[in-house]
Amino acid sequence: MAAKLLSLLAIFLSLGQASLSGYVQQTHLGGLLYLVNKDYALTADFVPTDLVRPNVASELSGITLKYDAAQALEQLFAAAKREGHALVTVSGYRSFSKQRAIYARKAASVGEKKASLIVALPGTSEHQLGLAMDIGRKGHSHLNYDFGSSHEGRWVAQNAHRFGFIIRYKAEWTAITGYAYEPWHIRYVGPEHAKRIFEMDIPLESYVEQLSLATFGEYIAKDGF
């Protein structure tokens, strides 16, 4: 129990501020740990600031991310290239209206129940935050599970955290995240948090929950400490 509490405290202190404001700054809208999922949605008019086009190989034009995430993505792609892996961007920032169109097409094709596992409803996609990127292999940019077992996909899974990204939707996390396995979807949370999430091997929802418990003391109260 004590070890777990120390781990939670270490996570909290990694925010750089030993106060409630540290948690708030990281998890409020605009913060790197802001949750967007089926329970926490963005409004239709939300557009992130400082969107830029990362200087990396891409299958499509006009793909953007928030500035810090874009800079980190360039470093990730450069490192992958040095080790012989050719990556390409497939989809970055997506507006509410674009996500609505994507979901409508998928629902019409496979039905809403199946569509909801593989495509986010408008407002519930991390892509609207400007912190998520779908990536693929050069010449094989179609998004499918094969990316996860490819040399490039395995390299990304083991190295993305070094540049501040996490694999957001692992197969074993579907019950928590609400989405099927997406080895191509990476989310920028910053190097410190990405390293901890990688080492703990937990989804962002669980990480933010643990930060909340460490911040507000609910974990201690539940166990009688």
Protein backbone atom coordinates (compact mmCIF):
# COMPACT_ATOMS: atom_id res chain seq x y z
CA MET A 1 0.00 0.00 0.00
CA ALA A 2 2.76 2.42 0.98
CA ALA A 3 4.63 1.70 -2.24
CA LYS A 4 1.54 2.45 -4.30
CA LEU A 5 1.00 5.73 -2.48
CA LEU A 6 4.60 6.72 -3.11
CA SER A 7 4.12 5.88 -6.79
CA LEU A 8 1.04 8.09 -6.97
CA LEU A 9 2.89 10.90 -5.20
CA ALA A 10 5.79 10.60 -7.63
CA ILE A 11 3.40 10.93 -10.55
CA PHE A 12 1.82 14.01 -9.04
CA LEU A 13 5.16 15.64 -8.32
CA SER A 14 6.18 14.99 -11.95
CA LEU A 15 3.68 17.67 -12.91
CA GLY A 16 6.26 20.15 -11.69
CA GLN A 17 3.99 21.74 -9.10
CA ALA A 18 3.26 20.28 -5.66
CA SER A 19 -0.24 21.76 -5.57
CA LEU A 20 -3.73 21.33 -6.94
CA SER A 21 -2.93 23.79 -9.74
CA GLY A 22 -0.43 21.31 -11.20
CA TYR A 23 -3.16 18.74 -11.69
CA VAL A 24 -5.64 21.28 -13.02
CA GLN A 25 -3.22 22.74 -15.56
CA GLN A 26 -2.45 19.33 -17.02
CA THR A 27 -6.01 17.98 -17.16
CA HIS A 28 -8.13 21.03 -18.08
CA LEU A 29 -8.99 21.83 -21.70
CA GLY A 30 -5.73 22.81 -23.35
CA GLY A 31 -3.67 20.63 -21.00
CA LEU A 32 -1.69 17.69 -22.31
CA LEU A 33 -3.63 15.15 -20.22
CA TYR A 34 -7.12 16.36 -21.14
CA LEU A 35 -9.43 13.38 -21.61
CA VAL A 36 -11.63 13.11 -24.65
CA ASN A 37 -13.62 9.90 -24.91
CA LYS A 38 -17.20 8.62 -24.87
CA ASP A 39 -17.76 10.20 -21.45
CA TYR A 40 -15.96 13.51 -21.99
CA ALA A 41 -16.85 15.34 -25.19
CA LEU A 42 -15.71 18.56 -26.84
CA THR A 43 -18.14 21.18 -28.11
CA ALA A 44 -18.77 21.63 -31.81
CA ASP A 45 -17.02 25.02 -31.84
CA PHE A 46 -13.79 23.89 -30.16
CA VAL A 47 -10.72 24.42 -32.34
CA PRO A 48 -7.24 24.12 -30.79
CA THR A 49 -4.79 26.98 -31.06
CA ASP A 50 -1.36 26.88 -32.74
CA LEU A 51 -2.11 24.17 -35.31
CA VAL A 52 0.82 23.62 -37.67
CA ARG A 53 1.84 21.14 -40.34
CA PRO A 54 4.61 18.84 -39.07
CA ASN A 55 7.53 18.57 -41.47
CA VAL A 56 7.26 14.81 -41.99
CA ALA A 57 6.31 12.42 -44.79
CA SER A 58 2.58 12.29 -45.39
CA GLU A 59 0.14 10.51 -47.66
CA LEU A 60 -2.19 13.51 -47.64
CA SER A 61 -1.77 17.29 -47.62
CA GLY A 62 -2.90 19.65 -44.91
CA ILE A 63 -2.40 17.34 -41.90
CA THR A 64 -1.88 19.42 -38.76
CA LEU A 65 -1.17 19.10 -35.03
CA LYS A 66 -0.66 21.52 -32.18
CA TYR A 67 2.83 23.03 -32.32
CA ASP A 68 4.50 21.09 -29.47
CA ALA A 69 3.05 17.79 -30.68
CA ALA A 70 4.14 18.53 -34.24
CA GLN A 71 7.71 19.28 -33.12
CA ALA A 72 7.80 16.03 -31.15
CA LEU A 73 6.40 14.09 -34.11
CA GLU A 74 9.20 15.39 -36.33
CA GLN A 75 11.72 14.07 -33.81
CA LEU A 76 9.94 10.70 -33.64
CA PHE A 77 9.90 10.33 -37.43
CA ALA A 78 13.55 11.35 -37.69
CA ALA A 79 14.57 8.75 -35.10
CA ALA A 80 12.52 6.07 -36.85
CA LYS A 81 14.16 6.93 -40.19
CA ARG A 82 17.64 6.66 -38.67
CA GLU A 83 16.76 3.11 -37.65
CA GLY A 84 15.39 2.21 -41.07
CA HIS A 85 11.67 2.75 -40.53
CA ALA A 86 9.74 4.89 -43.01
CA LEU A 87 6.63 6.34 -41.37
CA VAL A 88 3.92 8.55 -42.85
CA THR A 89 1.14 10.61 -41.31
CA VAL A 90 -2.41 9.63 -42.21
CA SER A 91 -4.70 11.83 -40.07
CA GLY A 92 -4.08 14.54 -37.49
CA TYR A 93 -6.41 17.31 -36.34
CA ARG A 94 -10.03 16.76 -37.36
CA SER A 95 -12.84 19.24 -36.82
CA PHE A 96 -16.18 18.36 -35.23
CA SER A 97 -17.90 18.52 -38.61
CA LYS A 98 -15.30 16.31 -40.30
CA GLN A 99 -15.60 13.74 -37.53
CA ARG A 100 -19.38 13.80 -37.90
CA ALA A 101 -19.06 13.02 -41.61
CA ILE A 102 -16.58 10.19 -40.97
CA TYR A 103 -18.83 8.63 -38.35
CA ALA A 104 -21.92 8.92 -40.54
CA ARG A 105 -20.17 7.11 -43.41
CA LYS A 106 -18.97 4.29 -41.18
CA ALA A 107 -22.35 3.89 -39.45
CA ALA A 108 -24.07 3.69 -42.83
CA SER A 109 -21.58 1.01 -43.88
CA VAL A 110 -21.40 -1.26 -40.82
CA GLY A 111 -24.17 -0.10 -38.48
CA GLU A 112 -23.97 2.20 -35.48
CA LYS A 113 -23.09 -0.49 -32.91
CA LYS A 114 -19.95 -1.59 -34.75
CA ALA A 115 -19.15 1.94 -35.88
CA SER A 116 -19.08 3.18 -32.28
CA LEU A 117 -16.22 0.78 -31.49
CA ILE A 118 -13.99 1.92 -34.32
CA VAL A 119 -14.97 5.54 -35.01
CA ALA A 120 -15.60 8.25 -32.44
CA LEU A 121 -18.80 10.23 -32.44
CA PRO A 122 -18.30 13.93 -33.23
CA GLY A 123 -16.96 15.69 -30.16
CA THR A 124 -15.53 12.51 -28.66
CA SER A 125 -12.47 12.15 -30.89
CA GLU A 126 -8.97 12.98 -29.62
CA HIS A 127 -8.20 14.22 -33.11
CA GLN A 128 -10.26 17.34 -32.39
CA LEU A 129 -7.79 18.18 -29.61
CA GLY A 130 -4.95 18.48 -32.12
CA LEU A 131 -2.83 16.10 -30.01
CA ALA A 132 -3.49 12.81 -31.82
CA MET A 133 -2.02 11.44 -35.02
CA ASP A 134 -2.75 8.32 -37.05
CA ILE A 135 0.43 7.00 -38.64
CA GLY A 136 1.29 4.26 -41.11
CA ARG A 137 4.13 2.74 -43.09
CA LYS A 138 5.30 4.31 -46.32
CA GLY A 139 3.48 2.51 -49.10
CA HIS A 140 1.14 0.83 -46.59
CA SER A 141 -0.69 3.77 -45.08
CA HIS A 142 -4.13 2.12 -44.97
CA LEU A 143 -5.04 1.90 -41.28
CA ASN A 144 -5.30 -1.73 -40.14
CA TYR A 145 -4.15 -4.02 -37.36
CA ASP A 146 -1.17 -5.20 -39.42
CA PHE A 147 0.64 -2.00 -38.52
CA GLY A 148 0.97 -3.21 -34.93
CA SER A 149 2.86 -6.35 -35.96
CA SER A 150 5.03 -4.63 -38.57
CA HIS A 151 8.63 -3.61 -37.88
CA GLU A 152 7.53 0.02 -37.92
CA GLY A 153 4.58 -0.58 -35.62
CA ARG A 154 6.66 -2.48 -33.08
CA TRP A 155 9.29 0.26 -33.13
CA VAL A 156 6.64 2.93 -32.51
CA ALA A 157 5.11 0.93 -29.66
CA GLN A 158 8.48 0.68 -27.92
CA ASN A 159 9.80 4.16 -28.65
CA ALA A 160 6.93 6.64 -28.99
CA HIS A 161 7.09 7.52 -25.28
CA ARG A 162 10.62 8.85 -25.73
CA PHE A 163 9.09 11.69 -27.75
CA GLY A 164 6.03 12.26 -25.57
CA PHE A 165 3.52 10.01 -27.36
CA ILE A 166 1.53 7.03 -26.13
CA ILE A 167 -0.26 4.21 -27.94
CA ARG A 168 -3.75 5.26 -26.95
CA TYR A 169 -5.90 2.22 -27.74
CA LYS A 170 -4.46 -1.19 -26.90
CA ALA A 171 -6.61 -4.29 -27.41
CA GLU A 172 -6.65 -5.16 -23.71
CA TRP A 173 -7.88 -1.67 -22.79
CA THR A 174 -11.08 -1.64 -24.85
CA ALA A 175 -13.35 -2.04 -21.81
CA ILE A 176 -11.82 1.14 -20.35
CA THR A 177 -11.22 3.29 -23.44
CA GLY A 178 -14.38 2.20 -25.25
CA TYR A 179 -12.52 1.70 -28.52
CA ALA A 180 -11.06 -1.24 -30.40
CA TYR A 181 -7.33 -1.80 -30.90
CA GLU A 182 -5.66 1.01 -32.88
CA PRO A 183 -1.88 0.51 -33.04
CA TRP A 184 -1.63 3.44 -35.46
CA HIS A 185 -3.20 6.05 -33.14
CA ILE A 186 -0.70 7.95 -31.00
CA ARG A 187 -1.50 10.74 -28.53
CA TYR A 188 0.87 13.44 -27.33
CA VAL A 189 1.01 13.85 -23.53
CA GLY A 190 4.60 15.10 -23.12
CA PRO A 191 7.76 13.04 -22.41
CA GLU A 192 7.40 12.76 -18.60
CA HIS A 193 3.84 11.51 -18.66
CA ALA A 194 4.42 9.31 -21.70
CA LYS A 195 7.34 7.60 -19.96
CA ARG A 196 5.26 6.90 -16.85
CA ILE A 197 2.25 5.68 -18.82
CA PHE A 198 4.53 3.39 -20.87
CA GLU A 199 6.19 1.97 -17.76
CA MET A 200 2.90 1.50 -15.90
CA ASP A 201 1.26 0.08 -19.05
CA ILE A 202 -2.14 1.63 -18.36
CA PRO A 203 -4.57 3.66 -20.50
CA LEU A 204 -4.76 7.44 -20.17
CA GLU A 205 -8.10 7.13 -18.34
CA SER A 206 -6.46 5.10 -15.56
CA TYR A 207 -3.45 7.41 -15.37
CA VAL A 208 -5.59 10.52 -14.99
CA GLU A 209 -7.71 8.72 -12.39
CA GLN A 210 -4.62 7.89 -10.35
CA LEU A 211 -3.46 11.48 -10.56
CA SER A 212 -6.86 12.56 -9.32
CA LEU A 213 -6.70 10.14 -6.39
CA ALA A 214 -3.22 11.33 -5.47
CA THR A 215 -4.33 14.94 -5.71
CA PHE A 216 -7.58 14.76 -3.80
CA GLY A 217 -6.71 12.07 -1.28
CA GLU A 218 -9.66 9.81 -2.15
CA TYR A 219 -7.39 6.78 -2.42
CA ILE A 220 -6.13 7.27 1.14
CA ALA A 221 -9.64 7.85 2.48
CA LYS A 222 -11.02 4.68 0.90
CA ASP A 223 -8.37 2.53 2.58
CA GLY A 224 -8.62 4.15 5.98
CA PHE A 225 -5.34 6.03 5.95
